[in-house]
């Protein structure tokens, strides 16, 4: 029953995350005037294909992440998923609209870049799920590693921040908690303000 609850929660989280990313992109796109939007789109569609080989692709550090912890708690399949993801090209492009991407790299690269961004979304969702499972298994040290890595690659999943903040708060690690709050202040996507409010609430609860 416990595993069913985890699956349901993770599925709901994934749905909320996808909706959040789409809403953010919708706001960025439709916050512009219609005339300006059409002009930019027309310009974007005429941009020549650019070289995207040197973009800052994310490489998952499989050699330093504690993958064996997942086998120990009966979730080796999550380590396998992480290994499979490591073979893909991954980019965090959530701050850009499709028009932005076409303007920067040309429409011929849009499908490839979208696949890279989809892989990024899969990665941070997976890291969040791993963190939750390890915390439930009382493996706090390894959960911290996965969650901290998620934050370093720009995750904006609220529960990744709050789980990590709670780990710091439980051991009264104010320095790391303050660093996490500072990082949250740089999140410009839709969940940013919510993350900041929750982290400040966690910190204020310390005695």
N, C-alpha and C. Protein backbone atom coordinates (compact mmCIF):
# COMPACT_ATOMS: atom_id res chain seq x y z
N UNK A 1 0.83 -1.20 0.00
CA UNK A 1 0.00 0.00 0.00
C UNK A 1 0.87 1.26 0.00
N UNK A 2 1.98 1.18 0.73
CA UNK A 2 2.90 2.32 0.82
C UNK A 2 3.45 2.67 -0.56
N UNK A 3 3.82 1.65 -1.35
CA UNK A 3 4.37 1.89 -2.69
C UNK A 3 3.32 2.49 -3.62
N UNK A 4 2.06 2.06 -3.46
CA UNK A 4 0.99 2.61 -4.29
C UNK A 4 0.82 4.09 -4.00
N UNK A 5 0.91 4.45 -2.71
CA UNK A 5 0.81 5.86 -2.32
C UNK A 5 1.92 6.68 -2.93
N UNK A 6 3.15 6.13 -2.92
CA UNK A 6 4.30 6.82 -3.51
C UNK A 6 4.09 7.04 -4.99
N UNK A 7 3.62 6.00 -5.69
CA UNK A 7 3.39 6.09 -7.13
C UNK A 7 2.36 7.16 -7.44
N UNK A 8 1.24 7.17 -6.66
CA UNK A 8 0.19 8.16 -6.89
C UNK A 8 0.72 9.57 -6.66
N UNK A 9 1.48 9.76 -5.57
CA UNK A 9 2.03 11.08 -5.24
C UNK A 9 3.00 11.55 -6.31
N UNK A 10 3.85 10.63 -6.77
CA UNK A 10 4.84 11.00 -7.78
C UNK A 10 4.17 11.32 -9.11
N UNK A 11 3.12 10.58 -9.45
CA UNK A 11 2.40 10.84 -10.69
C UNK A 11 1.73 12.21 -10.63
N UNK A 12 1.14 12.52 -9.47
CA UNK A 12 0.49 13.82 -9.30
C UNK A 12 1.51 14.94 -9.38
N UNK A 13 2.68 14.72 -8.73
CA UNK A 13 3.76 15.71 -8.77
C UNK A 13 4.22 15.95 -10.20
N UNK A 14 4.39 14.86 -10.95
CA UNK A 14 4.84 14.99 -12.34
C UNK A 14 3.84 15.79 -13.16
N UNK A 15 2.54 15.53 -12.96
CA UNK A 15 1.51 16.26 -13.68
C UNK A 15 1.55 17.74 -13.34
N UNK A 16 1.66 18.05 -12.03
CA UNK A 16 1.71 19.45 -11.60
C UNK A 16 2.93 20.15 -12.17
N UNK A 17 4.05 19.43 -12.20
CA UNK A 17 5.29 20.02 -12.70
C UNK A 17 5.19 20.34 -14.19
N UNK A 18 4.65 19.42 -14.96
CA UNK A 18 4.49 19.64 -16.40
C UNK A 18 3.56 20.81 -16.65
N UNK A 19 2.45 20.87 -15.91
CA UNK A 19 1.50 21.98 -16.07
C UNK A 19 2.18 23.30 -15.72
N UNK A 20 2.97 23.30 -14.64
CA UNK A 20 3.67 24.51 -14.21
C UNK A 20 4.63 25.01 -15.28
N UNK A 21 5.40 24.10 -15.87
CA UNK A 21 6.34 24.48 -16.92
C UNK A 21 5.61 25.04 -18.14
N UNK A 22 4.49 24.41 -18.50
CA UNK A 22 3.73 24.89 -19.65
C UNK A 22 3.10 26.25 -19.40
N UNK A 23 2.61 26.46 -18.16
CA UNK A 23 2.03 27.76 -17.80
C UNK A 23 3.09 28.85 -17.86
N UNK A 24 4.29 28.54 -17.36
CA UNK A 24 5.38 29.52 -17.38
C UNK A 24 5.70 29.92 -18.81
N UNK A 25 5.79 28.95 -19.70
CA UNK A 25 6.10 29.25 -21.10
C UNK A 25 4.96 30.01 -21.76
N UNK A 26 3.73 29.67 -21.39
CA UNK A 26 2.57 30.37 -21.96
C UNK A 26 2.61 31.84 -21.57
N UNK A 27 2.94 32.13 -20.29
CA UNK A 27 2.99 33.51 -19.83
C UNK A 27 4.08 34.29 -20.53
N UNK A 28 5.23 33.63 -20.72
CA UNK A 28 6.34 34.31 -21.40
C UNK A 28 5.96 34.64 -22.84
N UNK A 29 5.25 33.73 -23.47
CA UNK A 29 4.88 33.92 -24.87
C UNK A 29 3.79 34.96 -25.03
N UNK A 30 2.74 34.85 -24.22
CA UNK A 30 1.56 35.69 -24.41
C UNK A 30 1.64 36.99 -23.63
N UNK A 31 2.71 37.21 -22.90
CA UNK A 31 2.91 38.49 -22.25
C UNK A 31 3.35 39.54 -23.26
N UNK A 32 3.70 39.12 -24.45
CA UNK A 32 4.11 40.03 -25.50
C UNK A 32 2.89 40.42 -26.33
N UNK A 33 2.96 41.59 -26.98
CA UNK A 33 1.87 42.03 -27.84
C UNK A 33 1.75 41.09 -29.03
N UNK A 34 0.54 40.95 -29.54
CA UNK A 34 0.30 40.02 -30.65
C UNK A 34 1.14 40.39 -31.87
N UNK A 35 1.17 41.68 -32.17
CA UNK A 35 1.92 42.11 -33.35
C UNK A 35 3.40 41.80 -33.20
N UNK A 36 3.94 42.08 -32.00
CA UNK A 36 5.35 41.80 -31.74
C UNK A 36 5.62 40.31 -31.77
N UNK A 37 4.68 39.54 -31.25
CA UNK A 37 4.82 38.09 -31.22
C UNK A 37 4.90 37.52 -32.64
N UNK A 38 4.02 37.97 -33.52
CA UNK A 38 4.01 37.49 -34.90
C UNK A 38 5.29 37.90 -35.63
N UNK A 39 5.76 39.10 -35.32
CA UNK A 39 6.99 39.58 -35.96
C UNK A 39 8.19 38.74 -35.53
N UNK A 40 8.26 38.43 -34.22
CA UNK A 40 9.36 37.62 -33.71
C UNK A 40 9.29 36.20 -34.26
N UNK A 41 8.09 35.66 -34.36
CA UNK A 41 7.91 34.30 -34.86
C UNK A 41 8.35 34.21 -36.32
N UNK A 42 7.98 35.23 -37.10
CA UNK A 42 8.38 35.26 -38.50
C UNK A 42 9.90 35.34 -38.63
N UNK A 43 10.50 36.19 -37.80
CA UNK A 43 11.96 36.32 -37.80
C UNK A 43 12.62 35.01 -37.39
N UNK A 44 12.05 34.35 -36.35
CA UNK A 44 12.62 33.11 -35.82
C UNK A 44 12.62 32.00 -36.88
N UNK A 45 11.57 31.95 -37.68
CA UNK A 45 11.44 30.89 -38.68
C UNK A 45 12.43 31.03 -39.84
N UNK A 46 13.08 32.17 -39.92
CA UNK A 46 14.04 32.39 -41.00
C UNK A 46 15.49 32.29 -40.54
N UNK A 47 15.70 31.97 -39.26
CA UNK A 47 17.06 31.87 -38.72
C UNK A 47 17.72 30.58 -39.19
N UNK A 48 18.97 30.69 -39.60
CA UNK A 48 19.71 29.51 -40.06
C UNK A 48 20.08 28.61 -38.88
N UNK A 49 20.23 27.34 -39.16
CA UNK A 49 20.58 26.35 -38.15
C UNK A 49 21.95 26.66 -37.55
N UNK A 50 22.01 26.72 -36.23
CA UNK A 50 23.26 27.03 -35.53
C UNK A 50 23.90 25.75 -35.00
N UNK A 51 25.17 25.85 -34.66
CA UNK A 51 25.90 24.73 -34.05
C UNK A 51 25.54 24.68 -32.58
N UNK A 52 24.94 23.59 -32.12
CA UNK A 52 24.54 23.48 -30.72
C UNK A 52 25.40 22.46 -29.96
N UNK A 53 26.52 22.08 -30.55
CA UNK A 53 27.36 21.05 -29.94
C UNK A 53 28.05 21.52 -28.66
N UNK A 54 28.24 22.84 -28.52
CA UNK A 54 28.98 23.34 -27.36
C UNK A 54 28.08 23.92 -26.27
N UNK A 55 26.78 23.67 -26.34
CA UNK A 55 25.87 24.14 -25.30
C UNK A 55 26.18 23.44 -23.97
N UNK A 56 25.80 24.03 -22.84
CA UNK A 56 26.14 23.45 -21.52
C UNK A 56 25.27 22.25 -21.15
N UNK A 57 25.51 21.15 -21.85
CA UNK A 57 24.75 19.93 -21.57
C UNK A 57 25.06 19.41 -20.17
N UNK A 58 24.03 18.88 -19.54
CA UNK A 58 24.18 18.34 -18.19
C UNK A 58 24.64 16.88 -18.27
N UNK A 59 25.70 16.59 -17.56
CA UNK A 59 26.22 15.22 -17.50
C UNK A 59 26.02 14.69 -16.08
N UNK A 60 25.22 13.67 -15.96
CA UNK A 60 24.89 13.12 -14.64
C UNK A 60 26.11 12.43 -14.04
N UNK A 61 26.54 12.83 -12.84
CA UNK A 61 27.74 12.24 -12.22
C UNK A 61 27.46 10.89 -11.57
N UNK A 62 27.30 9.89 -12.41
CA UNK A 62 26.96 8.56 -11.89
C UNK A 62 28.03 8.00 -10.96
N UNK A 63 29.27 8.45 -11.14
CA UNK A 63 30.36 7.93 -10.32
C UNK A 63 30.36 8.50 -8.91
N UNK A 64 29.65 9.61 -8.69
CA UNK A 64 29.64 10.20 -7.34
C UNK A 64 28.29 10.09 -6.64
N UNK A 65 27.22 9.90 -7.38
CA UNK A 65 25.91 9.74 -6.75
C UNK A 65 25.79 8.33 -6.16
N UNK A 66 25.21 8.20 -4.96
CA UNK A 66 25.12 6.89 -4.27
C UNK A 66 24.04 5.98 -4.84
N UNK A 67 24.27 5.47 -6.03
CA UNK A 67 23.26 4.63 -6.70
C UNK A 67 22.98 3.34 -5.94
N UNK A 68 23.98 2.83 -5.24
CA UNK A 68 23.79 1.57 -4.52
C UNK A 68 22.74 1.71 -3.41
N UNK A 69 22.52 2.93 -2.94
CA UNK A 69 21.51 3.15 -1.91
C UNK A 69 20.13 2.77 -2.41
N UNK A 70 19.91 2.91 -3.70
CA UNK A 70 18.60 2.59 -4.28
C UNK A 70 18.37 1.09 -4.30
N UNK A 71 19.42 0.34 -4.58
CA UNK A 71 19.31 -1.12 -4.53
C UNK A 71 19.04 -1.58 -3.11
N UNK A 72 19.70 -0.92 -2.16
CA UNK A 72 19.58 -1.30 -0.75
C UNK A 72 18.15 -1.13 -0.22
N UNK A 73 17.41 -0.18 -0.80
CA UNK A 73 16.03 0.01 -0.31
C UNK A 73 15.00 -0.54 -1.30
N UNK A 74 15.45 -1.39 -2.22
CA UNK A 74 14.54 -2.08 -3.11
C UNK A 74 14.08 -1.30 -4.32
N UNK A 75 14.87 -0.29 -4.74
CA UNK A 75 14.48 0.53 -5.88
C UNK A 75 15.61 0.64 -6.90
N UNK A 76 16.19 -0.49 -7.24
CA UNK A 76 17.28 -0.52 -8.22
C UNK A 76 16.82 0.00 -9.58
N UNK A 77 15.53 -0.10 -9.86
CA UNK A 77 15.02 0.36 -11.16
C UNK A 77 15.19 1.87 -11.34
N UNK A 78 15.23 2.60 -10.23
CA UNK A 78 15.43 4.05 -10.33
C UNK A 78 16.87 4.37 -10.71
N UNK A 79 17.79 3.56 -10.22
CA UNK A 79 19.20 3.73 -10.63
C UNK A 79 19.33 3.43 -12.12
N UNK A 80 18.60 2.42 -12.58
CA UNK A 80 18.63 2.09 -14.01
C UNK A 80 18.08 3.24 -14.86
N UNK A 81 17.02 3.86 -14.37
CA UNK A 81 16.44 5.00 -15.10
C UNK A 81 17.43 6.16 -15.16
N UNK A 82 18.16 6.37 -14.06
CA UNK A 82 19.15 7.44 -14.03
C UNK A 82 20.27 7.15 -15.03
N UNK A 83 20.68 5.90 -15.10
CA UNK A 83 21.73 5.51 -16.05
C UNK A 83 21.25 5.69 -17.49
N UNK A 84 20.01 5.35 -17.75
CA UNK A 84 19.45 5.53 -19.09
C UNK A 84 19.39 7.01 -19.46
N UNK A 85 19.00 7.85 -18.51
CA UNK A 85 18.95 9.28 -18.76
C UNK A 85 20.33 9.86 -19.03
N UNK A 86 21.34 9.29 -18.39
CA UNK A 86 22.70 9.80 -18.55
C UNK A 86 23.22 9.66 -19.98
N UNK A 87 22.57 8.80 -20.75
CA UNK A 87 22.98 8.59 -22.13
C UNK A 87 22.34 9.61 -23.09
N UNK A 88 21.42 10.41 -22.55
CA UNK A 88 20.74 11.40 -23.38
C UNK A 88 21.41 12.77 -23.25
N UNK A 89 21.16 13.63 -24.22
CA UNK A 89 21.60 15.02 -24.12
C UNK A 89 20.56 15.77 -23.30
N UNK A 90 21.03 16.50 -22.29
CA UNK A 90 20.13 17.14 -21.33
C UNK A 90 20.45 18.63 -21.23
N UNK A 91 19.41 19.46 -21.34
CA UNK A 91 19.56 20.91 -21.20
C UNK A 91 18.36 21.47 -20.45
N UNK A 92 18.62 22.42 -19.57
CA UNK A 92 17.52 23.14 -18.92
C UNK A 92 17.21 24.37 -19.77
N UNK A 93 16.11 24.31 -20.50
CA UNK A 93 15.72 25.40 -21.39
C UNK A 93 14.37 25.98 -21.00
N UNK A 94 13.97 25.75 -19.77
CA UNK A 94 12.63 26.16 -19.32
C UNK A 94 12.44 27.67 -19.32
N UNK A 95 13.54 28.41 -19.33
CA UNK A 95 13.43 29.87 -19.31
C UNK A 95 13.16 30.46 -20.69
N UNK A 96 13.16 29.61 -21.72
CA UNK A 96 12.98 30.08 -23.09
C UNK A 96 11.67 29.57 -23.69
N UNK A 97 11.05 30.38 -24.53
CA UNK A 97 9.92 29.92 -25.32
C UNK A 97 10.46 29.26 -26.58
N UNK A 98 9.59 28.59 -27.32
CA UNK A 98 10.01 27.98 -28.58
C UNK A 98 10.50 29.04 -29.57
N UNK A 99 9.86 30.19 -29.53
CA UNK A 99 10.29 31.28 -30.41
C UNK A 99 11.70 31.73 -30.04
N UNK A 100 11.98 31.84 -28.75
CA UNK A 100 13.32 32.21 -28.30
C UNK A 100 14.35 31.22 -28.84
N UNK A 101 14.04 29.94 -28.72
CA UNK A 101 14.98 28.90 -29.14
C UNK A 101 15.22 28.96 -30.65
N UNK A 102 14.17 29.21 -31.39
CA UNK A 102 14.33 29.31 -32.85
C UNK A 102 15.16 30.54 -33.23
N UNK A 103 14.96 31.64 -32.51
CA UNK A 103 15.74 32.84 -32.77
C UNK A 103 17.22 32.63 -32.48
N UNK A 104 17.50 31.87 -31.43
CA UNK A 104 18.89 31.66 -31.03
C UNK A 104 19.59 30.58 -31.85
N UNK A 105 18.86 29.50 -32.18
CA UNK A 105 19.52 28.35 -32.77
C UNK A 105 18.93 27.88 -34.10
N UNK A 106 17.85 28.53 -34.53
CA UNK A 106 17.23 28.15 -35.78
C UNK A 106 16.14 27.11 -35.59
N UNK A 107 15.07 27.17 -36.39
CA UNK A 107 13.95 26.23 -36.25
C UNK A 107 14.35 24.77 -36.50
N UNK A 108 15.42 24.56 -37.27
CA UNK A 108 15.84 23.19 -37.55
C UNK A 108 16.33 22.46 -36.31
N UNK A 109 16.70 23.22 -35.27
CA UNK A 109 17.19 22.62 -34.03
C UNK A 109 16.11 22.48 -32.95
N UNK A 110 14.90 22.96 -33.25
CA UNK A 110 13.88 23.01 -32.20
C UNK A 110 13.52 21.64 -31.63
N UNK A 111 13.33 20.65 -32.49
CA UNK A 111 12.96 19.32 -32.00
C UNK A 111 14.05 18.74 -31.10
N UNK A 112 15.30 18.91 -31.52
CA UNK A 112 16.42 18.39 -30.73
C UNK A 112 16.49 19.08 -29.38
N UNK A 113 16.35 20.40 -29.38
CA UNK A 113 16.42 21.15 -28.13
C UNK A 113 15.25 20.83 -27.22
N UNK A 114 14.08 20.63 -27.80
CA UNK A 114 12.90 20.26 -27.00
C UNK A 114 13.10 18.91 -26.33
N UNK A 115 13.74 17.98 -27.05
CA UNK A 115 14.03 16.66 -26.48
C UNK A 115 15.02 16.78 -25.33
N UNK A 116 15.99 17.67 -25.47
CA UNK A 116 16.97 17.91 -24.40
C UNK A 116 16.28 18.47 -23.16
N UNK A 117 15.33 19.38 -23.37
CA UNK A 117 14.61 19.98 -22.26
C UNK A 117 13.67 18.98 -21.60
N UNK A 118 13.06 18.11 -22.41
CA UNK A 118 12.20 17.05 -21.86
C UNK A 118 13.02 16.11 -20.99
N UNK A 119 14.24 15.80 -21.43
CA UNK A 119 15.12 14.93 -20.65
C UNK A 119 15.48 15.60 -19.32
N UNK A 120 15.65 16.92 -19.35
CA UNK A 120 15.94 17.65 -18.11
C UNK A 120 14.76 17.55 -17.14
N UNK A 121 13.56 17.73 -17.65
CA UNK A 121 12.37 17.62 -16.80
C UNK A 121 12.28 16.22 -16.20
N UNK A 122 12.55 15.20 -17.01
CA UNK A 122 12.55 13.82 -16.50
C UNK A 122 13.59 13.64 -15.41
N UNK A 123 14.75 14.26 -15.59
CA UNK A 123 15.85 14.11 -14.62
C UNK A 123 15.49 14.71 -13.27
N UNK A 124 15.01 15.95 -13.24
CA UNK A 124 14.75 16.57 -11.94
C UNK A 124 13.54 15.93 -11.25
N UNK A 125 12.59 15.42 -12.03
CA UNK A 125 11.48 14.68 -11.43
C UNK A 125 11.98 13.38 -10.81
N UNK A 126 12.88 12.71 -11.51
CA UNK A 126 13.44 11.45 -11.01
C UNK A 126 14.26 11.69 -9.75
N UNK A 127 15.07 12.73 -9.73
CA UNK A 127 15.88 13.04 -8.55
C UNK A 127 14.99 13.37 -7.35
N UNK A 128 13.90 14.06 -7.62
CA UNK A 128 12.95 14.38 -6.54
C UNK A 128 12.32 13.11 -5.97
N UNK A 129 11.95 12.21 -6.87
CA UNK A 129 11.34 10.93 -6.45
C UNK A 129 12.34 10.11 -5.64
N UNK A 130 13.59 10.07 -6.10
CA UNK A 130 14.63 9.33 -5.38
C UNK A 130 14.83 9.91 -3.98
N UNK A 131 14.89 11.24 -3.90
CA UNK A 131 15.05 11.88 -2.60
C UNK A 131 13.94 11.50 -1.63
N UNK A 132 12.70 11.52 -2.11
CA UNK A 132 11.55 11.16 -1.27
C UNK A 132 11.64 9.72 -0.80
N UNK A 133 11.97 8.82 -1.70
CA UNK A 133 12.04 7.39 -1.36
C UNK A 133 13.14 7.13 -0.33
N UNK A 134 14.29 7.76 -0.51
CA UNK A 134 15.39 7.55 0.43
C UNK A 134 15.08 8.15 1.80
N UNK A 135 14.40 9.27 1.83
CA UNK A 135 13.99 9.86 3.11
C UNK A 135 13.02 8.92 3.81
N UNK A 136 12.07 8.36 3.06
CA UNK A 136 11.11 7.42 3.64
C UNK A 136 11.82 6.17 4.17
N UNK A 137 12.95 5.83 3.53
CA UNK A 137 13.73 4.67 3.96
C UNK A 137 14.72 5.04 5.08
N UNK A 138 14.63 6.30 5.54
CA UNK A 138 15.50 6.82 6.60
C UNK A 138 16.98 6.87 6.19
N UNK A 139 17.21 6.97 4.90
CA UNK A 139 18.58 7.13 4.39
C UNK A 139 18.77 8.61 4.05
N UNK A 140 18.93 9.40 5.09
CA UNK A 140 18.96 10.85 4.94
C UNK A 140 20.21 11.33 4.21
N UNK A 141 21.34 10.72 4.52
CA UNK A 141 22.61 11.15 3.92
C UNK A 141 22.59 11.02 2.41
N UNK A 142 22.12 9.88 1.91
CA UNK A 142 22.08 9.67 0.47
C UNK A 142 20.99 10.50 -0.19
N UNK A 143 19.87 10.66 0.51
CA UNK A 143 18.80 11.52 -0.01
C UNK A 143 19.32 12.94 -0.21
N UNK A 144 20.10 13.41 0.75
CA UNK A 144 20.66 14.76 0.65
C UNK A 144 21.52 14.92 -0.60
N UNK A 145 22.30 13.90 -0.93
CA UNK A 145 23.16 13.99 -2.11
C UNK A 145 22.37 14.15 -3.40
N UNK A 146 21.33 13.35 -3.53
CA UNK A 146 20.51 13.42 -4.74
C UNK A 146 19.77 14.76 -4.84
N UNK A 147 19.22 15.20 -3.71
CA UNK A 147 18.46 16.45 -3.71
C UNK A 147 19.37 17.66 -3.94
N UNK A 148 20.54 17.64 -3.31
CA UNK A 148 21.49 18.74 -3.49
C UNK A 148 21.95 18.82 -4.95
N UNK A 149 22.13 17.67 -5.56
CA UNK A 149 22.52 17.66 -6.98
C UNK A 149 21.41 18.26 -7.83
N UNK A 150 20.17 17.91 -7.52
CA UNK A 150 19.03 18.45 -8.27
C UNK A 150 19.03 19.98 -8.22
N UNK A 151 19.33 20.52 -7.05
CA UNK A 151 19.34 21.98 -6.90
C UNK A 151 20.48 22.60 -7.70
N UNK A 152 21.63 21.93 -7.72
CA UNK A 152 22.79 22.50 -8.44
C UNK A 152 22.55 22.58 -9.95
N UNK A 153 21.67 21.74 -10.47
CA UNK A 153 21.40 21.79 -11.92
C UNK A 153 20.15 22.61 -12.24
N UNK A 154 19.67 23.35 -11.23
CA UNK A 154 18.59 24.30 -11.48
C UNK A 154 17.17 23.82 -11.29
N UNK A 155 16.99 22.72 -10.57
CA UNK A 155 15.62 22.23 -10.34
C UNK A 155 14.77 23.32 -9.69
N UNK A 156 13.51 23.42 -10.13
CA UNK A 156 12.59 24.34 -9.49
C UNK A 156 11.38 23.59 -8.93
N UNK A 157 11.60 22.32 -8.58
CA UNK A 157 10.54 21.53 -7.96
C UNK A 157 10.49 21.88 -6.48
N UNK A 158 9.36 22.37 -6.03
CA UNK A 158 9.22 22.87 -4.66
C UNK A 158 9.62 21.84 -3.62
N UNK A 159 9.17 20.58 -3.78
CA UNK A 159 9.45 19.58 -2.75
C UNK A 159 10.92 19.18 -2.69
N UNK A 160 11.65 19.36 -3.80
CA UNK A 160 13.10 19.10 -3.73
C UNK A 160 13.76 20.09 -2.78
N UNK A 161 13.32 21.33 -2.85
CA UNK A 161 13.84 22.36 -1.95
C UNK A 161 13.40 22.12 -0.51
N UNK A 162 12.12 21.83 -0.30
CA UNK A 162 11.63 21.69 1.07
C UNK A 162 12.16 20.43 1.75
N UNK A 163 12.33 19.35 0.99
CA UNK A 163 12.91 18.15 1.60
C UNK A 163 14.35 18.40 2.02
N UNK A 164 15.12 19.07 1.16
CA UNK A 164 16.51 19.36 1.48
C UNK A 164 16.59 20.35 2.64
N UNK A 165 15.72 21.36 2.64
CA UNK A 165 15.70 22.34 3.73
C UNK A 165 15.37 21.67 5.06
N UNK A 166 14.47 20.71 5.03
CA UNK A 166 14.10 20.00 6.26
C UNK A 166 15.27 19.18 6.79
N UNK A 167 16.06 18.60 5.88
CA UNK A 167 17.25 17.86 6.29
C UNK A 167 18.22 18.80 7.00
N UNK A 168 18.45 19.98 6.41
CA UNK A 168 19.34 20.96 7.04
C UNK A 168 18.78 21.44 8.37
N UNK A 169 17.46 21.68 8.41
CA UNK A 169 16.84 22.19 9.63
C UNK A 169 16.92 21.17 10.76
N UNK A 170 16.75 19.89 10.43
CA UNK A 170 16.79 18.84 11.45
C UNK A 170 18.14 18.77 12.15
N UNK A 171 19.21 19.14 11.44
CA UNK A 171 20.53 19.12 12.08
C UNK A 171 21.02 20.55 12.39
N UNK A 172 20.09 21.49 12.31
CA UNK A 172 20.38 22.90 12.61
C UNK A 172 21.57 23.42 11.81
N UNK A 173 21.59 23.07 10.54
CA UNK A 173 22.66 23.51 9.64
C UNK A 173 22.21 24.82 8.98
N UNK A 174 22.38 25.92 9.71
CA UNK A 174 21.89 27.21 9.24
C UNK A 174 22.63 27.68 7.99
N UNK A 175 23.93 27.42 7.93
CA UNK A 175 24.71 27.87 6.78
C UNK A 175 24.17 27.29 5.47
N UNK A 176 23.97 25.96 5.44
CA UNK A 176 23.45 25.34 4.23
C UNK A 176 22.01 25.77 3.96
N UNK A 177 21.24 25.98 5.00
CA UNK A 177 19.86 26.42 4.83
C UNK A 177 19.83 27.82 4.22
N UNK A 178 20.69 28.69 4.69
CA UNK A 178 20.77 30.05 4.13
C UNK A 178 21.23 30.02 2.66
N UNK A 179 22.17 29.13 2.37
CA UNK A 179 22.63 28.99 0.98
C UNK A 179 21.49 28.52 0.09
N UNK A 180 20.68 27.61 0.61
CA UNK A 180 19.55 27.08 -0.16
C UNK A 180 18.51 28.19 -0.41
N UNK A 181 18.27 29.01 0.61
CA UNK A 181 17.34 30.13 0.46
C UNK A 181 17.87 31.11 -0.59
N UNK A 182 19.17 31.36 -0.54
CA UNK A 182 19.78 32.26 -1.53
C UNK A 182 19.60 31.71 -2.95
N UNK A 183 19.78 30.40 -3.10
CA UNK A 183 19.58 29.77 -4.41
C UNK A 183 18.12 29.90 -4.85
N UNK A 184 17.20 29.71 -3.90
CA UNK A 184 15.77 29.80 -4.21
C UNK A 184 15.40 31.20 -4.70
N UNK A 185 16.12 32.20 -4.23
CA UNK A 185 15.83 33.58 -4.64
C UNK A 185 16.21 33.84 -6.10
N UNK A 186 16.97 32.92 -6.69
CA UNK A 186 17.35 33.08 -8.10
C UNK A 186 16.39 32.33 -9.03
N UNK A 187 15.45 31.58 -8.46
CA UNK A 187 14.49 30.83 -9.28
C UNK A 187 13.46 31.80 -9.85
N UNK A 188 13.43 31.92 -11.17
CA UNK A 188 12.54 32.89 -11.81
C UNK A 188 11.27 32.25 -12.39
N UNK A 189 11.19 30.94 -12.34
CA UNK A 189 10.01 30.25 -12.87
C UNK A 189 8.84 30.38 -11.90
N UNK A 190 7.69 29.88 -12.30
CA UNK A 190 6.45 30.03 -11.55
C UNK A 190 6.54 29.61 -10.07
N UNK A 191 7.21 28.49 -9.73
CA UNK A 191 7.23 28.07 -8.32
C UNK A 191 8.17 28.88 -7.43
N UNK A 192 8.96 29.79 -8.00
CA UNK A 192 10.00 30.48 -7.25
C UNK A 192 9.54 31.10 -5.94
N UNK A 193 8.48 31.90 -5.98
CA UNK A 193 7.99 32.58 -4.78
C UNK A 193 7.51 31.60 -3.73
N UNK A 194 6.82 30.55 -4.19
CA UNK A 194 6.32 29.53 -3.25
C UNK A 194 7.49 28.85 -2.55
N UNK A 195 8.53 28.53 -3.30
CA UNK A 195 9.71 27.90 -2.71
C UNK A 195 10.31 28.79 -1.64
N UNK A 196 10.48 30.07 -1.94
CA UNK A 196 11.08 31.00 -0.98
C UNK A 196 10.25 31.10 0.29
N UNK A 197 8.93 31.19 0.15
CA UNK A 197 8.05 31.28 1.32
C UNK A 197 8.18 30.04 2.19
N UNK A 198 8.19 28.87 1.56
CA UNK A 198 8.27 27.63 2.33
C UNK A 198 9.62 27.49 3.04
N UNK A 199 10.70 27.89 2.37
CA UNK A 199 12.02 27.77 3.01
C UNK A 199 12.15 28.73 4.18
N UNK A 200 11.65 29.93 4.03
CA UNK A 200 11.69 30.89 5.14
C UNK A 200 10.83 30.38 6.32
N UNK A 201 9.74 29.70 6.00
CA UNK A 201 8.89 29.13 7.05
C UNK A 201 9.62 28.04 7.79
N UNK A 202 10.36 27.19 7.06
CA UNK A 202 11.14 26.13 7.68
C UNK A 202 12.21 26.72 8.59
N UNK A 203 12.89 27.77 8.11
CA UNK A 203 13.95 28.40 8.91
C UNK A 203 13.36 29.07 10.17
N UNK A 204 12.22 29.72 10.03
CA UNK A 204 11.61 30.40 11.17
C UNK A 204 11.15 29.42 12.24
N UNK A 205 10.97 28.16 11.84
CA UNK A 205 10.53 27.15 12.82
C UNK A 205 11.66 26.60 13.67
N UNK A 206 12.88 26.99 13.37
CA UNK A 206 14.03 26.54 14.16
C UNK A 206 14.08 27.30 15.48
N UNK A 207 14.51 26.61 16.52
CA UNK A 207 14.62 27.25 17.84
C UNK A 207 16.08 27.25 18.28
